Amino acid sequence: MAGRKQRSGGPRPGAGRPRVKAPPAPKPVELPWVMIREAAAAGSTEAEICKAYQIEESALAEPITLARFRLELESGLARYKIALRMAIKDRGNRTRRGAGSVNALALQARNHLDFDKQIPAQETEPDLGTARQRLADLGAKLAAAASEREGRTVTLATLIEREVRAGEKGAGAGA
C-alpha cells in the first residue's frame, strides 16, 4: 500500500447525503434592444413592437427587463417627437417647390404632437360686479313683467318665494 495515500480521520469521501444543487438561475431574456430602440424612435407603440419582434409577456416579467424596455420606449418616442418637430421646422424653411409632403407631416403632428387638441381656455375669475348688475336687471325685468300681468305690484322676493313653493309641491307630488 505504498502508492495509496491513507487518510487519518475526518469524513469519508462520498459519505452522507448528496448535496442538493440550487436550481440554475433563469437565463435573462435577451431582447433585440437595438431594434426596439429604432422602432420606438420611428414612433411605434409598445404593442406594435411586442407584436413585430414576438416579445412575450414572460420576457417582460422580470422588473429590470421591463424597466429597460419602458425606458427604451420613452426615450425613443421622445427622439421621434424631436425629429418630427425638426422636420416640421425644416419644411417651414424650404421653398414651396419640391418641399415634400405637407399632409404627411401634418398628420404625424396631429397624432404624435397633439397639435389637433384644443387648448383649454384659461379660466378667469368671473366678474362678479357685472354679474350682480345683470342679475339685478333681470330680476327687475321679471318683477315688472309679473306686475303688469297681475295688475298689482310684485317684487322679486315674491317671485322667488313662489318658485320655491312650486318646487316643493312638485317634489312632494313626485315622491
N, C-alpha and C. Protein backbone atom coordinates (compact mmCIF):
# COMPACT_ATOMS: atom_id res chain seq x y z
N MET A 1 0.80 -1.17 0.00
CA MET A 1 0.00 0.00 0.00
C MET A 1 0.86 1.24 0.00
N ALA A 2 1.90 1.16 -0.68
CA ALA A 2 2.81 2.28 -0.72
C ALA A 2 2.31 3.38 -1.62
N GLY A 3 1.63 3.01 -2.70
CA GLY A 3 1.20 4.03 -3.64
C GLY A 3 -0.10 4.71 -3.23
N ARG A 4 -0.75 4.16 -2.25
CA ARG A 4 -2.03 4.71 -1.87
C ARG A 4 -1.90 5.58 -0.62
N LYS A 5 -2.52 6.77 -0.68
CA LYS A 5 -2.43 7.69 0.45
C LYS A 5 -3.49 7.31 1.46
N GLN A 6 -3.11 7.26 2.68
CA GLN A 6 -4.05 6.88 3.73
C GLN A 6 -4.56 8.12 4.44
N ARG A 7 -5.86 8.10 4.68
CA ARG A 7 -6.46 9.22 5.39
C ARG A 7 -6.49 8.89 6.86
N SER A 8 -6.32 9.88 7.63
CA SER A 8 -6.41 9.63 9.06
C SER A 8 -7.48 10.55 9.64
N GLY A 9 -8.65 10.01 9.91
CA GLY A 9 -9.74 10.79 10.49
C GLY A 9 -10.50 11.60 9.45
N GLY A 10 -11.52 12.30 9.91
CA GLY A 10 -12.29 13.15 9.04
C GLY A 10 -13.39 12.40 8.31
N PRO A 11 -14.21 13.09 7.56
CA PRO A 11 -15.31 12.43 6.86
C PRO A 11 -14.80 11.58 5.71
N ARG A 12 -15.52 10.51 5.47
CA ARG A 12 -15.16 9.66 4.35
C ARG A 12 -15.67 10.29 3.07
N PRO A 13 -14.90 10.16 2.02
CA PRO A 13 -15.39 10.72 0.76
C PRO A 13 -16.64 10.00 0.31
N GLY A 14 -17.70 10.80 -0.08
CA GLY A 14 -18.94 10.24 -0.57
C GLY A 14 -19.90 9.83 0.51
N ALA A 15 -19.55 10.04 1.79
CA ALA A 15 -20.44 9.64 2.87
C ALA A 15 -21.48 10.74 3.11
N GLY A 16 -22.65 10.36 3.63
CA GLY A 16 -23.69 11.33 3.95
C GLY A 16 -24.63 11.57 2.79
N ARG A 17 -25.51 12.55 2.98
CA ARG A 17 -26.49 12.88 1.94
C ARG A 17 -25.80 13.57 0.77
N PRO A 18 -26.31 13.30 -0.40
CA PRO A 18 -25.74 14.03 -1.55
C PRO A 18 -26.14 15.51 -1.47
N ARG A 19 -25.24 16.34 -1.87
CA ARG A 19 -25.51 17.78 -1.84
C ARG A 19 -26.54 18.13 -2.91
N VAL A 20 -27.49 19.00 -2.52
CA VAL A 20 -28.53 19.43 -3.46
C VAL A 20 -28.04 20.72 -4.11
N LYS A 21 -27.95 20.66 -5.41
CA LYS A 21 -27.53 21.86 -6.12
C LYS A 21 -28.72 22.79 -6.28
N ALA A 22 -28.45 24.05 -6.16
CA ALA A 22 -29.50 25.05 -6.37
C ALA A 22 -29.93 25.00 -7.83
N PRO A 23 -31.22 25.17 -8.08
CA PRO A 23 -31.66 25.15 -9.47
C PRO A 23 -30.97 26.29 -10.23
N PRO A 24 -30.66 26.03 -11.47
CA PRO A 24 -29.97 27.08 -12.21
C PRO A 24 -30.84 28.33 -12.35
N ALA A 25 -30.22 29.47 -12.22
CA ALA A 25 -30.95 30.73 -12.35
C ALA A 25 -31.45 30.86 -13.78
N PRO A 26 -32.65 31.39 -13.94
CA PRO A 26 -33.15 31.52 -15.31
C PRO A 26 -32.26 32.49 -16.09
N LYS A 27 -32.02 32.10 -17.30
CA LYS A 27 -31.18 32.96 -18.14
C LYS A 27 -31.95 34.23 -18.46
N PRO A 28 -31.30 35.35 -18.37
CA PRO A 28 -32.02 36.57 -18.70
C PRO A 28 -32.40 36.57 -20.18
N VAL A 29 -33.61 37.02 -20.42
CA VAL A 29 -34.10 37.04 -21.79
C VAL A 29 -33.39 38.17 -22.52
N GLU A 30 -32.80 37.83 -23.61
CA GLU A 30 -32.08 38.84 -24.39
C GLU A 30 -33.02 39.36 -25.47
N LEU A 31 -33.42 40.60 -25.31
CA LEU A 31 -34.32 41.22 -26.27
C LEU A 31 -33.51 41.95 -27.33
N PRO A 32 -34.10 42.14 -28.49
CA PRO A 32 -33.39 42.88 -29.55
C PRO A 32 -33.42 44.38 -29.26
N TRP A 33 -32.55 44.82 -28.34
CA TRP A 33 -32.61 46.20 -27.85
C TRP A 33 -32.40 47.23 -28.95
N VAL A 34 -31.51 46.95 -29.88
CA VAL A 34 -31.23 47.92 -30.95
C VAL A 34 -32.48 48.10 -31.82
N MET A 35 -33.13 46.99 -32.15
CA MET A 35 -34.33 47.08 -32.98
C MET A 35 -35.47 47.75 -32.21
N ILE A 36 -35.58 47.47 -30.91
CA ILE A 36 -36.60 48.11 -30.09
C ILE A 36 -36.36 49.62 -30.07
N ARG A 37 -35.12 50.02 -29.89
CA ARG A 37 -34.77 51.44 -29.84
C ARG A 37 -35.10 52.13 -31.17
N GLU A 38 -34.77 51.46 -32.28
CA GLU A 38 -35.04 52.05 -33.60
C GLU A 38 -36.54 52.13 -33.87
N ALA A 39 -37.29 51.10 -33.48
CA ALA A 39 -38.73 51.11 -33.71
C ALA A 39 -39.40 52.20 -32.87
N ALA A 40 -38.94 52.36 -31.64
CA ALA A 40 -39.51 53.41 -30.78
C ALA A 40 -39.18 54.78 -31.34
N ALA A 41 -37.98 54.94 -31.89
CA ALA A 41 -37.59 56.22 -32.48
C ALA A 41 -38.37 56.49 -33.77
N ALA A 42 -38.97 55.46 -34.35
CA ALA A 42 -39.79 55.64 -35.54
C ALA A 42 -41.25 55.92 -35.18
N GLY A 43 -41.57 55.92 -33.87
CA GLY A 43 -42.91 56.26 -33.42
C GLY A 43 -43.80 55.07 -33.15
N SER A 44 -43.23 53.86 -33.07
CA SER A 44 -44.04 52.66 -32.82
C SER A 44 -44.48 52.61 -31.36
N THR A 45 -45.62 51.98 -31.13
CA THR A 45 -46.12 51.82 -29.77
C THR A 45 -45.59 50.53 -29.16
N GLU A 46 -45.83 50.37 -27.86
CA GLU A 46 -45.37 49.17 -27.16
C GLU A 46 -46.00 47.91 -27.75
N ALA A 47 -47.28 47.97 -28.04
CA ALA A 47 -47.98 46.80 -28.60
C ALA A 47 -47.43 46.43 -29.97
N GLU A 48 -47.16 47.43 -30.80
CA GLU A 48 -46.62 47.17 -32.12
C GLU A 48 -45.24 46.53 -32.04
N ILE A 49 -44.40 47.02 -31.15
CA ILE A 49 -43.05 46.48 -31.02
C ILE A 49 -43.10 45.05 -30.51
N CYS A 50 -43.94 44.79 -29.50
CA CYS A 50 -44.05 43.43 -28.96
C CYS A 50 -44.53 42.45 -30.03
N LYS A 51 -45.48 42.89 -30.84
CA LYS A 51 -46.01 42.01 -31.88
C LYS A 51 -44.99 41.80 -33.00
N ALA A 52 -44.32 42.87 -33.40
CA ALA A 52 -43.38 42.77 -34.51
C ALA A 52 -42.18 41.90 -34.18
N TYR A 53 -41.66 42.01 -32.98
CA TYR A 53 -40.46 41.26 -32.60
C TYR A 53 -40.79 40.05 -31.74
N GLN A 54 -42.07 39.68 -31.68
CA GLN A 54 -42.55 38.50 -30.97
C GLN A 54 -42.01 38.44 -29.54
N ILE A 55 -42.20 39.54 -28.83
CA ILE A 55 -41.79 39.61 -27.43
C ILE A 55 -42.98 39.19 -26.58
N GLU A 56 -42.80 38.15 -25.81
CA GLU A 56 -43.88 37.63 -24.99
C GLU A 56 -43.91 38.34 -23.64
N GLU A 57 -45.05 38.22 -22.96
CA GLU A 57 -45.18 38.83 -21.64
C GLU A 57 -44.21 38.24 -20.65
N SER A 58 -43.92 36.96 -20.80
CA SER A 58 -42.99 36.31 -19.87
C SER A 58 -41.59 36.90 -20.00
N ALA A 59 -41.26 37.41 -21.18
CA ALA A 59 -39.94 38.04 -21.37
C ALA A 59 -39.86 39.35 -20.62
N LEU A 60 -41.00 39.99 -20.40
CA LEU A 60 -41.02 41.27 -19.70
C LEU A 60 -41.42 41.12 -18.23
N ALA A 61 -41.46 39.88 -17.75
CA ALA A 61 -41.88 39.64 -16.37
C ALA A 61 -40.83 40.11 -15.37
N GLU A 62 -39.58 40.06 -15.75
CA GLU A 62 -38.52 40.49 -14.83
C GLU A 62 -38.52 42.01 -14.74
N PRO A 63 -38.54 42.57 -13.53
CA PRO A 63 -38.66 44.02 -13.38
C PRO A 63 -37.55 44.82 -14.06
N ILE A 64 -36.35 44.30 -14.06
CA ILE A 64 -35.23 45.02 -14.67
C ILE A 64 -35.43 45.10 -16.19
N THR A 65 -35.84 43.97 -16.77
CA THR A 65 -36.06 43.94 -18.22
C THR A 65 -37.21 44.86 -18.60
N LEU A 66 -38.29 44.82 -17.82
CA LEU A 66 -39.44 45.67 -18.09
C LEU A 66 -39.08 47.15 -17.97
N ALA A 67 -38.29 47.49 -16.95
CA ALA A 67 -37.89 48.88 -16.76
C ALA A 67 -37.04 49.35 -17.94
N ARG A 68 -36.13 48.52 -18.40
CA ARG A 68 -35.30 48.91 -19.54
C ARG A 68 -36.15 49.04 -20.81
N PHE A 69 -37.10 48.12 -20.98
CA PHE A 69 -37.98 48.15 -22.15
C PHE A 69 -38.77 49.46 -22.18
N ARG A 70 -39.36 49.82 -21.04
CA ARG A 70 -40.13 51.06 -20.97
C ARG A 70 -39.24 52.28 -21.17
N LEU A 71 -38.02 52.23 -20.64
CA LEU A 71 -37.09 53.35 -20.82
C LEU A 71 -36.74 53.52 -22.29
N GLU A 72 -36.51 52.41 -22.98
CA GLU A 72 -36.21 52.47 -24.41
C GLU A 72 -37.39 53.05 -25.19
N LEU A 73 -38.61 52.65 -24.81
CA LEU A 73 -39.79 53.17 -25.49
C LEU A 73 -39.95 54.66 -25.27
N GLU A 74 -39.80 55.10 -24.02
CA GLU A 74 -39.97 56.52 -23.71
C GLU A 74 -38.91 57.38 -24.39
N SER A 75 -37.66 56.93 -24.34
CA SER A 75 -36.61 57.74 -24.96
C SER A 75 -36.75 57.72 -26.48
N GLY A 76 -37.17 56.59 -27.04
CA GLY A 76 -37.38 56.51 -28.48
C GLY A 76 -38.51 57.41 -28.94
N LEU A 77 -39.59 57.45 -28.17
CA LEU A 77 -40.71 58.32 -28.51
C LEU A 77 -40.31 59.78 -28.41
N ALA A 78 -39.49 60.11 -27.41
CA ALA A 78 -39.02 61.49 -27.28
C ALA A 78 -38.14 61.86 -28.48
N ARG A 79 -37.27 60.94 -28.90
CA ARG A 79 -36.43 61.21 -30.08
C ARG A 79 -37.30 61.37 -31.33
N TYR A 80 -38.36 60.57 -31.42
CA TYR A 80 -39.27 60.66 -32.57
C TYR A 80 -39.94 62.03 -32.62
N LYS A 81 -40.42 62.50 -31.47
CA LYS A 81 -41.09 63.79 -31.43
C LYS A 81 -40.13 64.92 -31.78
N ILE A 82 -38.90 64.82 -31.32
CA ILE A 82 -37.90 65.84 -31.66
C ILE A 82 -37.62 65.82 -33.16
N ALA A 83 -37.46 64.63 -33.72
CA ALA A 83 -37.20 64.52 -35.16
C ALA A 83 -38.38 65.07 -35.96
N LEU A 84 -39.60 64.82 -35.49
CA LEU A 84 -40.78 65.31 -36.18
C LEU A 84 -40.86 66.83 -36.12
N ARG A 85 -40.55 67.39 -34.97
CA ARG A 85 -40.54 68.85 -34.85
C ARG A 85 -39.47 69.46 -35.75
N MET A 86 -38.32 68.79 -35.84
CA MET A 86 -37.25 69.30 -36.71
C MET A 86 -37.68 69.22 -38.18
N ALA A 87 -38.39 68.15 -38.54
CA ALA A 87 -38.87 68.02 -39.92
C ALA A 87 -39.88 69.11 -40.24
N ILE A 88 -40.75 69.42 -39.28
CA ILE A 88 -41.73 70.49 -39.49
C ILE A 88 -41.02 71.82 -39.65
N LYS A 89 -40.01 72.06 -38.81
CA LYS A 89 -39.25 73.31 -38.90
C LYS A 89 -38.50 73.39 -40.23
N ASP A 90 -37.90 72.27 -40.62
CA ASP A 90 -37.17 72.22 -41.88
C ASP A 90 -38.12 72.46 -43.05
N ARG A 91 -39.29 71.89 -42.97
CA ARG A 91 -40.29 72.08 -44.03
C ARG A 91 -40.70 73.54 -44.12
N GLY A 92 -40.80 74.19 -42.99
CA GLY A 92 -41.16 75.60 -42.98
C GLY A 92 -40.08 76.49 -43.57
N ASN A 93 -38.83 76.05 -43.48
CA ASN A 93 -37.72 76.84 -44.01
C ASN A 93 -37.54 76.69 -45.51
N ARG A 94 -38.08 75.62 -46.10
CA ARG A 94 -37.89 75.36 -47.52
C ARG A 94 -38.85 76.15 -48.37
N THR A 95 -38.54 76.22 -49.62
CA THR A 95 -39.44 76.90 -50.56
C THR A 95 -40.61 75.99 -50.88
N ARG A 96 -41.57 76.53 -51.59
CA ARG A 96 -42.76 75.74 -51.92
C ARG A 96 -42.44 74.64 -52.91
N ARG A 97 -41.55 74.87 -53.80
CA ARG A 97 -41.29 73.91 -54.87
C ARG A 97 -40.47 72.73 -54.32
N GLY A 98 -41.00 71.51 -54.46
CA GLY A 98 -40.28 70.31 -54.06
C GLY A 98 -40.04 70.20 -52.56
N ALA A 99 -40.98 70.68 -51.78
CA ALA A 99 -40.77 70.72 -50.34
C ALA A 99 -41.17 69.43 -49.63
N GLY A 100 -41.75 68.49 -50.30
CA GLY A 100 -42.14 67.25 -49.64
C GLY A 100 -43.61 67.26 -49.29
N SER A 101 -44.06 66.21 -48.65
CA SER A 101 -45.46 66.05 -48.36
C SER A 101 -45.84 66.80 -47.08
N VAL A 102 -46.61 67.83 -47.25
CA VAL A 102 -47.08 68.60 -46.11
C VAL A 102 -48.14 67.81 -45.36
N ASN A 103 -48.97 67.07 -46.09
CA ASN A 103 -50.04 66.32 -45.46
C ASN A 103 -49.51 65.25 -44.52
N ALA A 104 -48.45 64.58 -44.91
CA ALA A 104 -47.88 63.54 -44.05
C ALA A 104 -47.34 64.15 -42.77
N LEU A 105 -46.66 65.28 -42.87
CA LEU A 105 -46.15 65.94 -41.67
C LEU A 105 -47.30 66.42 -40.78
N ALA A 106 -48.33 66.96 -41.40
CA ALA A 106 -49.47 67.45 -40.62
C ALA A 106 -50.16 66.30 -39.88
N LEU A 107 -50.31 65.17 -40.55
CA LEU A 107 -50.93 64.01 -39.91
C LEU A 107 -50.08 63.52 -38.73
N GLN A 108 -48.77 63.42 -38.94
CA GLN A 108 -47.91 62.99 -37.84
C GLN A 108 -47.96 63.99 -36.69
N ALA A 109 -47.98 65.25 -37.00
CA ALA A 109 -48.04 66.26 -35.95
C ALA A 109 -49.33 66.14 -35.16
N ARG A 110 -50.45 65.91 -35.86
CA ARG A 110 -51.72 65.75 -35.14
C ARG A 110 -51.71 64.53 -34.24
N ASN A 111 -51.16 63.44 -34.74
CA ASN A 111 -51.20 62.18 -34.00
C ASN A 111 -50.21 62.13 -32.85
N HIS A 112 -49.02 62.65 -33.04
CA HIS A 112 -47.97 62.45 -32.05
C HIS A 112 -47.63 63.68 -31.24
N LEU A 113 -47.87 64.85 -31.77
CA LEU A 113 -47.51 66.06 -31.04
C LEU A 113 -48.73 66.78 -30.48
N ASP A 114 -49.89 66.16 -30.62
CA ASP A 114 -51.14 66.69 -30.09
C ASP A 114 -51.43 68.09 -30.62
N PHE A 115 -51.15 68.32 -31.90
CA PHE A 115 -51.42 69.62 -32.47
C PHE A 115 -52.91 69.84 -32.69
N ASP A 116 -53.70 68.77 -32.74
CA ASP A 116 -55.13 68.95 -33.01
C ASP A 116 -55.94 69.09 -31.73
N LYS A 117 -55.31 68.96 -30.59
CA LYS A 117 -56.03 69.08 -29.33
C LYS A 117 -56.37 70.54 -29.09
N GLN A 118 -57.56 70.77 -28.58
CA GLN A 118 -57.97 72.13 -28.28
C GLN A 118 -57.23 72.61 -27.04
N ILE A 119 -56.69 73.78 -27.12
CA ILE A 119 -56.01 74.35 -25.96
C ILE A 119 -57.09 74.87 -25.03
N PRO A 120 -57.10 74.38 -23.79
CA PRO A 120 -58.15 74.83 -22.89
C PRO A 120 -58.01 76.33 -22.63
N ALA A 121 -59.13 77.01 -22.69
CA ALA A 121 -59.11 78.44 -22.44
C ALA A 121 -58.76 78.68 -20.98
N GLN A 122 -57.98 79.69 -20.77
CA GLN A 122 -57.61 80.00 -19.40
C GLN A 122 -58.85 80.49 -18.67
N GLU A 123 -59.16 79.80 -17.60
CA GLU A 123 -60.35 80.18 -16.85
C GLU A 123 -60.00 81.35 -15.96
N THR A 124 -60.80 82.37 -16.06
CA THR A 124 -60.58 83.55 -15.24
C THR A 124 -61.71 83.64 -14.23
N GLU A 125 -61.45 84.37 -13.21
CA GLU A 125 -62.48 84.58 -12.20
C GLU A 125 -63.64 85.35 -12.83
N PRO A 126 -64.87 84.94 -12.56
CA PRO A 126 -65.99 85.68 -13.12
C PRO A 126 -66.03 87.09 -12.52
N ASP A 127 -66.42 88.03 -13.33
CA ASP A 127 -66.51 89.40 -12.88
C ASP A 127 -67.84 89.55 -12.13
N LEU A 128 -67.76 89.48 -10.82
CA LEU A 128 -68.99 89.50 -10.02
C LEU A 128 -69.67 90.85 -10.04
N GLY A 129 -68.91 91.90 -10.28
CA GLY A 129 -69.51 93.22 -10.34
C GLY A 129 -70.53 93.32 -11.46
N THR A 130 -70.17 92.86 -12.64
CA THR A 130 -71.11 92.92 -13.76
C THR A 130 -72.17 91.82 -13.64
N ALA A 131 -71.81 90.66 -13.07
CA ALA A 131 -72.79 89.58 -12.92
C ALA A 131 -73.89 90.01 -11.96
N ARG A 132 -73.52 90.68 -10.89
CA ARG A 132 -74.53 91.15 -9.93
C ARG A 132 -75.47 92.15 -10.60
N GLN A 133 -74.88 93.03 -11.37
CA GLN A 133 -75.69 94.05 -12.04
C GLN A 133 -76.66 93.42 -13.04
N ARG A 134 -76.15 92.44 -13.82
CA ARG A 134 -77.02 91.77 -14.78
C ARG A 134 -78.13 91.01 -14.09
N LEU A 135 -77.81 90.37 -12.95
CA LEU A 135 -78.82 89.63 -12.20
C LEU A 135 -79.88 90.58 -11.63
N ALA A 136 -79.45 91.73 -11.13
CA ALA A 136 -80.40 92.71 -10.59
C ALA A 136 -81.31 93.23 -11.71
N ASP A 137 -80.73 93.51 -12.88
CA ASP A 137 -81.53 93.98 -14.02
C ASP A 137 -82.55 92.92 -14.45
N LEU A 138 -82.12 91.66 -14.50
CA LEU A 138 -83.02 90.58 -14.89
C LEU A 138 -84.15 90.43 -13.88
N GLY A 139 -83.83 90.52 -12.59
CA GLY A 139 -84.85 90.44 -11.54
C GLY A 139 -85.86 91.56 -11.66
N ALA A 140 -85.38 92.77 -11.95
CA ALA A 140 -86.29 93.91 -12.10
C ALA A 140 -87.21 93.71 -13.29
N LYS A 141 -86.67 93.18 -14.40
CA LYS A 141 -87.50 92.94 -15.59
C LYS A 141 -88.56 91.89 -15.30
N LEU A 142 -88.17 90.80 -14.60
CA LEU A 142 -89.13 89.75 -14.27
C LEU A 142 -90.23 90.28 -13.36
N ALA A 143 -89.86 91.08 -12.36
CA ALA A 143 -90.84 91.64 -11.43
C ALA A 143 -91.78 92.60 -12.16
N ALA A 144 -91.22 93.41 -13.08
CA ALA A 144 -92.07 94.35 -13.83
C ALA A 144 -93.05 93.59 -14.73
N ALA A 145 -92.58 92.52 -15.37
CA ALA A 145 -93.47 91.73 -16.24
C ALA A 145 -94.56 91.07 -15.42
N ALA A 146 -94.23 90.54 -14.23
CA ALA A 146 -95.24 89.89 -13.38
C ALA A 146 -96.23 90.94 -12.87
N SER A 147 -95.76 92.13 -12.52
CA SER A 147 -96.65 93.19 -12.05
C SER A 147 -97.63 93.59 -13.13
N GLU A 148 -97.15 93.69 -14.34
CA GLU A 148 -98.01 94.07 -15.45
C GLU A 148 -99.05 92.99 -15.73
N ARG A 149 -98.63 91.73 -15.65
CA ARG A 149 -99.53 90.61 -15.89
C ARG A 149 -100.64 90.53 -14.83
N GLU A 150 -100.25 90.73 -13.57
CA GLU A 150 -101.20 90.55 -12.47
C GLU A 150 -101.95 91.84 -12.14
N GLY A 151 -101.48 92.97 -12.62
CA GLY A 151 -102.17 94.24 -12.36
C GLY A 151 -101.90 94.77 -10.97
N ARG A 152 -100.93 94.28 -10.28
CA ARG A 152 -100.55 94.78 -8.96
C ARG A 152 -99.04 94.70 -8.84
N THR A 153 -98.48 95.32 -7.84
CA THR A 153 -97.03 95.36 -7.67
C THR A 153 -96.54 94.00 -7.15
N VAL A 154 -95.56 93.43 -7.87
CA VAL A 154 -94.96 92.15 -7.48
C VAL A 154 -93.45 92.39 -7.35
N THR A 155 -92.89 91.98 -6.23
CA THR A 155 -91.45 92.17 -6.02
C THR A 155 -90.70 90.91 -6.44
N LEU A 156 -89.41 91.05 -6.55
CA LEU A 156 -88.55 89.91 -6.90
C LEU A 156 -88.61 88.85 -5.81
N ALA A 157 -88.68 89.29 -4.54
CA ALA A 157 -88.76 88.36 -3.41
C ALA A 157 -90.03 87.51 -3.52
N THR A 158 -91.12 88.12 -3.94
CA THR A 158 -92.38 87.39 -4.10
C THR A 158 -92.24 86.33 -5.19
N LEU A 159 -91.59 86.70 -6.30
CA LEU A 159 -91.39 85.73 -7.39
C LEU A 159 -90.54 84.55 -6.93
N ILE A 160 -89.49 84.83 -6.19
CA ILE A 160 -88.60 83.75 -5.71
C ILE A 160 -89.36 82.84 -4.74
N GLU A 161 -90.16 83.46 -3.87
CA GLU A 161 -90.95 82.68 -2.91
C GLU A 161 -91.93 81.75 -3.63
N ARG A 162 -92.56 82.25 -4.69
CA ARG A 162 -93.48 81.42 -5.48
C ARG A 162 -92.76 80.24 -6.12
N GLU A 163 -91.58 80.48 -6.66
CA GLU A 163 -90.80 79.41 -7.29
C GLU A 163 -90.40 78.35 -6.28
N VAL A 164 -90.05 78.78 -5.07
CA VAL A 164 -89.67 77.81 -4.03
C VAL A 164 -90.85 76.94 -3.67
N ARG A 165 -92.02 77.56 -3.49
CA ARG A 165 -93.22 76.80 -3.14
C ARG A 165 -93.61 75.84 -4.27
N ALA A 166 -93.48 76.30 -5.50
CA ALA A 166 -93.81 75.44 -6.65
C ALA A 166 -92.84 74.26 -6.71
N GLY A 167 -91.60 74.47 -6.38
CA GLY A 167 -90.62 73.39 -6.38
C GLY A 167 -90.91 72.38 -5.30
N GLU A 168 -91.34 72.86 -4.13
CA GLU A 168 -91.67 71.96 -3.03
C GLU A 168 -92.90 71.12 -3.33
N LYS A 169 -93.91 71.73 -3.97
CA LYS A 169 -95.12 70.99 -4.33
C LYS A 169 -94.79 69.93 -5.38
N GLY A 170 -93.96 70.30 -6.35
CA GLY A 170 -93.59 69.35 -7.40
C GLY A 170 -92.77 68.20 -6.85
N ALA A 171 -91.90 68.49 -5.89
CA ALA A 171 -91.07 67.43 -5.31
C ALA A 171 -91.91 66.53 -4.41
N GLY A 172 -92.90 67.12 -3.70
CA GLY A 172 -93.74 66.33 -2.83
C GLY A 172 -94.68 65.42 -3.61
N ALA A 173 -95.16 65.88 -4.76
CA ALA A 173 -96.07 65.08 -5.57
C ALA A 173 -95.34 63.93 -6.26
N GLY A 174 -94.07 64.16 -6.61
CA GLY A 174 -93.31 63.13 -7.31
C GLY A 174 -92.79 62.05 -6.40
N ALA A 175 -92.74 62.30 -5.08
CA ALA A 175 -92.19 61.33 -4.16
C ALA A 175 -93.12 60.31 -3.72
